[in-house]
Amino acid sequence: MKATVVVLQGELGSGKTAFAKALGKMMGINEHIVSPTFVIMKSYNIDWKGFKKLIHVDAYRIESESELLNLGWNELVENPQHLILIEWPERVEGILPKDSRRIFFKHEI
């Protein structure tokens, strides 16, 4: 068993970070959740339905998959107690688990 990886796909401003914030709040995270665009990855301790950590990744500024690998990606995805949300997955598609769940966001007028 491995981590649960949820891929958040959509254009800039389509609601990916808003979704991550709402999910984190629902899981009991009290600290302010912001997009990890500049730090790439933020980790939050949780105790929710068997998950112990919510990891929020924003791959927007990543230029190669090796950058995420250097941040310990392989170890993160091996832990079944991790719930990983990743924005801009197309930047790191080659290292995403094949069983990643996908949520597509789009602007509605």
N, C-alpha and C. Protein backbone atom coordinates (compact mmCIF):
# COMPACT_ATOMS: atom_id res chain seq x y z
N MET A 1 0.84 -1.18 0.00
CA MET A 1 0.00 0.00 0.00
C MET A 1 0.89 1.24 0.00
N LYS A 2 0.47 2.24 -0.74
CA LYS A 2 1.25 3.47 -0.88
C LYS A 2 0.40 4.68 -0.56
N ALA A 3 1.00 5.85 -0.67
CA ALA A 3 0.29 7.11 -0.44
C ALA A 3 -0.85 7.25 -1.44
N THR A 4 -1.83 8.04 -1.06
CA THR A 4 -2.90 8.41 -1.97
C THR A 4 -2.51 9.74 -2.60
N VAL A 5 -2.38 9.74 -3.91
CA VAL A 5 -1.99 10.95 -4.64
C VAL A 5 -3.19 11.44 -5.43
N VAL A 6 -3.54 12.70 -5.19
CA VAL A 6 -4.67 13.32 -5.89
C VAL A 6 -4.11 14.46 -6.73
N VAL A 7 -4.29 14.34 -8.03
CA VAL A 7 -3.80 15.30 -9.00
C VAL A 7 -4.89 16.35 -9.22
N LEU A 8 -4.51 17.62 -9.05
CA LEU A 8 -5.44 18.72 -9.25
C LEU A 8 -5.06 19.43 -10.55
N GLN A 9 -5.87 19.27 -11.58
CA GLN A 9 -5.55 19.82 -12.89
C GLN A 9 -6.52 20.93 -13.26
N GLY A 10 -5.98 22.00 -13.84
CA GLY A 10 -6.81 23.09 -14.30
C GLY A 10 -5.99 24.34 -14.52
N GLU A 11 -6.60 25.29 -15.20
CA GLU A 11 -5.92 26.55 -15.49
C GLU A 11 -5.68 27.36 -14.22
N LEU A 12 -4.82 28.34 -14.34
CA LEU A 12 -4.56 29.26 -13.25
C LEU A 12 -5.87 29.89 -12.82
N GLY A 13 -6.14 29.88 -11.51
CA GLY A 13 -7.34 30.49 -10.98
C GLY A 13 -8.60 29.65 -11.08
N SER A 14 -8.46 28.37 -11.40
CA SER A 14 -9.66 27.53 -11.58
C SER A 14 -10.15 26.88 -10.29
N GLY A 15 -9.42 27.06 -9.18
CA GLY A 15 -9.90 26.56 -7.90
C GLY A 15 -9.10 25.46 -7.25
N LYS A 16 -7.95 25.13 -7.79
CA LYS A 16 -7.13 24.05 -7.23
C LYS A 16 -6.71 24.34 -5.79
N THR A 17 -6.16 25.52 -5.55
CA THR A 17 -5.71 25.87 -4.20
C THR A 17 -6.90 26.04 -3.27
N ALA A 18 -7.98 26.61 -3.75
CA ALA A 18 -9.20 26.76 -2.93
C ALA A 18 -9.69 25.38 -2.48
N PHE A 19 -9.62 24.40 -3.36
CA PHE A 19 -10.00 23.03 -3.01
C PHE A 19 -9.08 22.49 -1.92
N ALA A 20 -7.77 22.68 -2.09
CA ALA A 20 -6.80 22.19 -1.09
C ALA A 20 -7.06 22.84 0.27
N LYS A 21 -7.35 24.13 0.27
CA LYS A 21 -7.65 24.84 1.52
C LYS A 21 -8.89 24.26 2.19
N ALA A 22 -9.95 24.06 1.43
CA ALA A 22 -11.20 23.54 1.98
C ALA A 22 -11.01 22.12 2.51
N LEU A 23 -10.28 21.30 1.79
CA LEU A 23 -10.03 19.94 2.23
C LEU A 23 -9.21 19.94 3.52
N GLY A 24 -8.18 20.77 3.56
CA GLY A 24 -7.36 20.87 4.77
C GLY A 24 -8.17 21.31 5.97
N LYS A 25 -9.02 22.27 5.78
CA LYS A 25 -9.88 22.76 6.86
C LYS A 25 -10.81 21.64 7.34
N MET A 26 -11.37 20.91 6.40
CA MET A 26 -12.26 19.79 6.75
C MET A 26 -11.51 18.73 7.56
N MET A 27 -10.22 18.58 7.31
CA MET A 27 -9.40 17.59 8.01
C MET A 27 -8.90 18.10 9.36
N GLY A 28 -9.23 19.34 9.68
CA GLY A 28 -8.86 19.87 10.99
C GLY A 28 -7.60 20.70 11.02
N ILE A 29 -7.08 21.08 9.88
CA ILE A 29 -5.88 21.93 9.86
C ILE A 29 -6.30 23.35 10.21
N ASN A 30 -5.73 23.88 11.27
CA ASN A 30 -6.10 25.22 11.73
C ASN A 30 -5.21 26.31 11.16
N GLU A 31 -4.00 25.95 10.75
CA GLU A 31 -3.11 26.99 10.22
C GLU A 31 -3.57 27.41 8.83
N HIS A 32 -3.14 28.59 8.44
CA HIS A 32 -3.52 29.16 7.14
C HIS A 32 -2.85 28.37 6.02
N ILE A 33 -3.64 27.80 5.14
CA ILE A 33 -3.12 27.01 4.02
C ILE A 33 -3.01 27.93 2.81
N VAL A 34 -1.81 28.03 2.27
CA VAL A 34 -1.58 28.83 1.07
C VAL A 34 -0.94 27.96 0.01
N SER A 35 -1.00 28.39 -1.20
CA SER A 35 -0.37 27.65 -2.28
C SER A 35 1.14 27.60 -2.05
N PRO A 36 1.73 26.42 -2.14
CA PRO A 36 3.18 26.31 -1.94
C PRO A 36 3.99 26.62 -3.19
N THR A 37 3.53 27.58 -3.98
CA THR A 37 4.19 27.90 -5.25
C THR A 37 5.68 28.17 -5.07
N PHE A 38 6.05 28.95 -4.07
CA PHE A 38 7.45 29.34 -3.93
C PHE A 38 8.28 28.34 -3.14
N VAL A 39 7.64 27.55 -2.27
CA VAL A 39 8.38 26.54 -1.51
C VAL A 39 8.20 25.15 -2.11
N ILE A 40 7.37 25.01 -3.09
CA ILE A 40 7.05 23.79 -3.84
C ILE A 40 6.18 22.82 -3.04
N MET A 41 6.50 22.61 -1.75
CA MET A 41 5.77 21.61 -1.00
C MET A 41 5.54 22.08 0.44
N LYS A 42 4.32 21.86 0.92
CA LYS A 42 3.98 22.12 2.33
C LYS A 42 3.39 20.84 2.90
N SER A 43 3.73 20.58 4.15
CA SER A 43 3.25 19.37 4.81
C SER A 43 2.50 19.75 6.09
N TYR A 44 1.39 19.09 6.32
CA TYR A 44 0.55 19.37 7.49
C TYR A 44 0.26 18.06 8.22
N ASN A 45 0.40 18.07 9.52
CA ASN A 45 0.04 16.90 10.31
C ASN A 45 -1.47 16.86 10.44
N ILE A 46 -2.03 15.68 10.22
CA ILE A 46 -3.47 15.48 10.32
C ILE A 46 -3.73 14.14 11.00
N ASP A 47 -4.92 13.92 11.41
CA ASP A 47 -5.38 12.62 11.90
C ASP A 47 -6.78 12.44 11.33
N TRP A 48 -6.84 11.93 10.11
CA TRP A 48 -8.10 11.88 9.37
C TRP A 48 -8.18 10.60 8.55
N LYS A 49 -9.07 9.72 8.92
CA LYS A 49 -9.36 8.49 8.18
C LYS A 49 -8.11 7.70 7.80
N GLY A 50 -7.19 7.56 8.75
CA GLY A 50 -5.98 6.79 8.52
C GLY A 50 -4.82 7.59 7.96
N PHE A 51 -5.06 8.82 7.55
CA PHE A 51 -3.98 9.67 7.06
C PHE A 51 -3.37 10.46 8.22
N LYS A 52 -2.06 10.57 8.21
CA LYS A 52 -1.34 11.31 9.25
C LYS A 52 -0.69 12.58 8.71
N LYS A 53 -0.61 12.70 7.39
CA LYS A 53 0.01 13.87 6.79
C LYS A 53 -0.69 14.24 5.50
N LEU A 54 -0.99 15.54 5.36
CA LEU A 54 -1.47 16.09 4.10
C LEU A 54 -0.29 16.84 3.50
N ILE A 55 0.08 16.45 2.29
CA ILE A 55 1.21 17.08 1.61
C ILE A 55 0.67 17.77 0.37
N HIS A 56 0.90 19.07 0.29
CA HIS A 56 0.39 19.90 -0.81
C HIS A 56 1.59 20.32 -1.66
N VAL A 57 1.59 19.91 -2.91
CA VAL A 57 2.70 20.19 -3.83
C VAL A 57 2.19 21.09 -4.94
N ASP A 58 2.95 22.12 -5.25
CA ASP A 58 2.66 22.97 -6.40
C ASP A 58 3.86 22.88 -7.33
N ALA A 59 3.68 22.18 -8.44
CA ALA A 59 4.79 21.92 -9.37
C ALA A 59 4.95 23.01 -10.42
N TYR A 60 4.25 24.12 -10.28
CA TYR A 60 4.27 25.17 -11.30
C TYR A 60 5.69 25.64 -11.62
N ARG A 61 6.53 25.82 -10.62
CA ARG A 61 7.88 26.34 -10.83
C ARG A 61 8.92 25.25 -11.06
N ILE A 62 8.51 24.00 -11.06
CA ILE A 62 9.45 22.91 -11.27
C ILE A 62 9.79 22.81 -12.75
N GLU A 63 11.08 22.74 -13.03
CA GLU A 63 11.52 22.65 -14.43
C GLU A 63 11.82 21.22 -14.85
N SER A 64 12.09 20.35 -13.89
CA SER A 64 12.31 18.95 -14.23
C SER A 64 11.87 18.08 -13.06
N GLU A 65 11.49 16.86 -13.38
CA GLU A 65 11.02 15.93 -12.36
C GLU A 65 12.06 15.68 -11.29
N SER A 66 13.33 15.80 -11.64
CA SER A 66 14.40 15.56 -10.66
C SER A 66 14.31 16.51 -9.47
N GLU A 67 13.77 17.71 -9.68
CA GLU A 67 13.62 18.65 -8.57
C GLU A 67 12.70 18.09 -7.50
N LEU A 68 11.60 17.48 -7.91
CA LEU A 68 10.67 16.88 -6.95
C LEU A 68 11.28 15.62 -6.35
N LEU A 69 12.00 14.86 -7.14
CA LEU A 69 12.68 13.67 -6.62
C LEU A 69 13.68 14.07 -5.54
N ASN A 70 14.38 15.19 -5.74
CA ASN A 70 15.37 15.65 -4.76
C ASN A 70 14.73 16.12 -3.45
N LEU A 71 13.42 16.38 -3.48
CA LEU A 71 12.70 16.78 -2.26
C LEU A 71 12.15 15.56 -1.52
N GLY A 72 12.53 14.36 -1.95
CA GLY A 72 12.11 13.15 -1.27
C GLY A 72 10.80 12.56 -1.77
N TRP A 73 10.45 12.85 -3.01
CA TRP A 73 9.19 12.37 -3.58
C TRP A 73 8.99 10.87 -3.42
N ASN A 74 10.02 10.09 -3.74
CA ASN A 74 9.86 8.63 -3.68
C ASN A 74 9.51 8.14 -2.28
N GLU A 75 10.12 8.73 -1.27
CA GLU A 75 9.81 8.35 0.11
C GLU A 75 8.39 8.78 0.48
N LEU A 76 7.97 9.95 0.03
CA LEU A 76 6.63 10.45 0.35
C LEU A 76 5.54 9.53 -0.21
N VAL A 77 5.71 9.08 -1.45
CA VAL A 77 4.67 8.25 -2.07
C VAL A 77 4.67 6.82 -1.56
N GLU A 78 5.69 6.43 -0.82
CA GLU A 78 5.73 5.07 -0.27
C GLU A 78 4.93 4.94 1.02
N ASN A 79 4.57 6.05 1.65
CA ASN A 79 3.92 6.00 2.96
C ASN A 79 2.39 6.04 2.80
N PRO A 80 1.69 4.96 3.18
CA PRO A 80 0.24 4.91 3.02
C PRO A 80 -0.51 5.89 3.93
N GLN A 81 0.18 6.51 4.87
CA GLN A 81 -0.46 7.50 5.75
C GLN A 81 -0.39 8.91 5.18
N HIS A 82 0.13 9.04 3.97
CA HIS A 82 0.22 10.34 3.32
C HIS A 82 -0.89 10.52 2.30
N LEU A 83 -1.53 11.68 2.35
CA LEU A 83 -2.46 12.11 1.31
C LEU A 83 -1.76 13.27 0.61
N ILE A 84 -1.46 13.09 -0.66
CA ILE A 84 -0.68 14.08 -1.41
C ILE A 84 -1.57 14.74 -2.47
N LEU A 85 -1.65 16.06 -2.41
CA LEU A 85 -2.34 16.85 -3.44
C LEU A 85 -1.26 17.50 -4.28
N ILE A 86 -1.39 17.41 -5.59
CA ILE A 86 -0.36 18.02 -6.44
C ILE A 86 -1.01 18.86 -7.54
N GLU A 87 -0.65 20.15 -7.53
CA GLU A 87 -1.10 21.08 -8.56
C GLU A 87 -0.05 21.14 -9.67
N TRP A 88 -0.48 21.41 -10.88
CA TRP A 88 0.36 21.47 -12.08
C TRP A 88 1.08 20.14 -12.31
N PRO A 89 0.34 19.05 -12.31
CA PRO A 89 0.95 17.72 -12.44
C PRO A 89 1.63 17.47 -13.78
N GLU A 90 1.23 18.21 -14.79
CA GLU A 90 1.84 18.00 -16.11
C GLU A 90 3.35 18.26 -16.09
N ARG A 91 3.83 18.99 -15.09
CA ARG A 91 5.27 19.29 -14.98
C ARG A 91 6.06 18.06 -14.48
N VAL A 92 5.35 17.12 -13.83
CA VAL A 92 6.02 15.96 -13.23
C VAL A 92 5.29 14.65 -13.56
N GLU A 93 4.59 14.64 -14.66
CA GLU A 93 3.74 13.51 -15.03
C GLU A 93 4.48 12.17 -14.99
N GLY A 94 5.73 12.16 -15.39
CA GLY A 94 6.50 10.92 -15.47
C GLY A 94 6.78 10.24 -14.15
N ILE A 95 6.66 10.95 -13.04
CA ILE A 95 6.93 10.33 -11.73
C ILE A 95 5.68 10.17 -10.88
N LEU A 96 4.52 10.50 -11.43
CA LEU A 96 3.28 10.32 -10.69
C LEU A 96 2.90 8.85 -10.68
N PRO A 97 2.38 8.35 -9.55
CA PRO A 97 1.92 6.96 -9.53
C PRO A 97 0.81 6.75 -10.56
N LYS A 98 0.80 5.59 -11.16
CA LYS A 98 -0.19 5.28 -12.19
C LYS A 98 -1.62 5.31 -11.64
N ASP A 99 -1.76 5.03 -10.34
CA ASP A 99 -3.10 4.99 -9.74
C ASP A 99 -3.50 6.33 -9.11
N SER A 100 -2.82 7.41 -9.48
CA SER A 100 -3.19 8.73 -8.95
C SER A 100 -4.63 9.05 -9.34
N ARG A 101 -5.33 9.66 -8.42
CA ARG A 101 -6.69 10.10 -8.71
C ARG A 101 -6.61 11.50 -9.31
N ARG A 102 -7.51 11.83 -10.21
CA ARG A 102 -7.47 13.12 -10.89
C ARG A 102 -8.76 13.89 -10.70
N ILE A 103 -8.60 15.16 -10.37
CA ILE A 103 -9.74 16.07 -10.31
C ILE A 103 -9.44 17.19 -11.29
N PHE A 104 -10.37 17.43 -12.20
CA PHE A 104 -10.20 18.47 -13.21
C PHE A 104 -11.02 19.70 -12.81
N PHE A 105 -10.38 20.86 -12.85
CA PHE A 105 -11.01 22.12 -12.52
C PHE A 105 -11.11 22.95 -13.79
N LYS A 106 -12.22 23.69 -13.93
CA LYS A 106 -12.31 24.60 -15.06
C LYS A 106 -13.12 25.82 -14.66
N HIS A 107 -12.85 26.90 -15.31
CA HIS A 107 -13.58 28.14 -15.07
C HIS A 107 -14.99 28.02 -15.62
N GLU A 108 -15.95 28.47 -14.86
CA GLU A 108 -17.34 28.52 -15.33
C GLU A 108 -17.74 29.98 -15.41
N ILE A 109 -18.42 30.33 -16.48
CA ILE A 109 -18.86 31.71 -16.65
C ILE A 109 -20.32 31.83 -16.29
